[in-house]
Amino acid sequence: MPKFIVTKLAGKEVAGFPNPGAGKVIELTDIQAQHPLRIGHLERDKPAAPALSTKPKD
């Protein structure tokens, strides 16, 4: 399931679930997250940056 980060704008509930707190990660389906994303209660969790290769390119 996709992960989202709760913002300071969120109230006591986020998408019908108790708010875990600002900055915390919550797992929701894309459909469950649509409205909270639109109104700024959630942000998409950013994927980890790919590891940089130290191997020189040819």
Protein backbone atom coordinates (compact mmCIF):
# COMPACT_ATOMS: atom_id res chain seq x y z
CA MET A 1 0.00 0.00 0.00
CA PRO A 2 1.29 3.51 -0.75
CA LYS A 3 2.70 5.58 2.10
CA PHE A 4 1.79 9.21 2.81
CA ILE A 5 3.08 11.79 5.27
CA VAL A 6 0.57 13.57 7.53
CA THR A 7 0.83 17.38 7.50
CA LYS A 8 0.15 19.91 10.28
CA LEU A 9 -3.14 20.81 8.56
CA ALA A 10 -4.72 17.43 9.32
CA GLY A 11 -7.34 17.25 12.05
CA LYS A 12 -8.09 14.44 14.50
CA GLU A 13 -8.74 12.02 11.63
CA VAL A 14 -7.12 11.46 8.25
CA ALA A 15 -9.21 9.60 5.66
CA GLY A 16 -11.36 8.22 8.49
CA PHE A 17 -8.43 6.96 10.56
CA PRO A 18 -6.98 8.49 13.75
CA ASN A 19 -4.29 11.05 12.98
CA PRO A 20 -0.90 9.58 14.02
CA GLY A 21 0.62 13.08 14.17
CA ALA A 22 2.26 15.57 11.84
CA GLY A 23 5.26 14.16 10.01
CA LYS A 24 4.22 10.56 10.65
CA VAL A 25 3.71 8.05 7.85
CA ILE A 26 0.31 6.51 7.16
CA GLU A 27 -0.51 3.78 4.65
CA LEU A 28 -3.62 4.33 2.54
CA THR A 29 -4.85 3.31 -0.87
CA ASP A 30 -4.63 5.96 -3.58
CA ILE A 31 -8.41 6.29 -3.50
CA GLN A 32 -8.48 6.81 0.29
CA ALA A 33 -5.76 9.45 -0.01
CA GLN A 34 -7.26 11.46 -2.90
CA HIS A 35 -9.23 13.99 -0.87
CA PRO A 36 -6.72 14.44 2.01
CA LEU A 37 -4.00 15.05 -0.61
CA ARG A 38 -6.17 17.64 -2.37
CA ILE A 39 -6.84 19.60 0.82
CA GLY A 40 -3.26 19.40 2.10
CA HIS A 41 -3.70 16.94 4.97
CA LEU A 42 -1.28 14.49 3.34
CA GLU A 43 1.85 14.58 1.19
CA ARG A 44 3.17 11.74 -0.90
CA ASP A 45 6.04 9.88 0.73
CA LYS A 46 9.09 10.53 -1.39
CA PRO A 47 10.85 7.40 -2.64
CA ALA A 48 14.39 6.84 -1.46
CA ALA A 49 17.04 8.32 -3.72
CA PRO A 50 18.83 5.74 -5.85
CA ALA A 51 22.32 4.87 -4.72
CA LEU A 52 25.05 6.62 -6.68
CA SER A 53 27.52 4.38 -8.40
CA THR A 54 31.21 5.07 -7.79
CA LYS A 55 32.09 3.09 -10.89
CA PRO A 56 33.29 5.40 -13.72
CA LYS A 57 31.30 5.38 -16.94
CA ASP A 58 33.04 4.22 -20.09
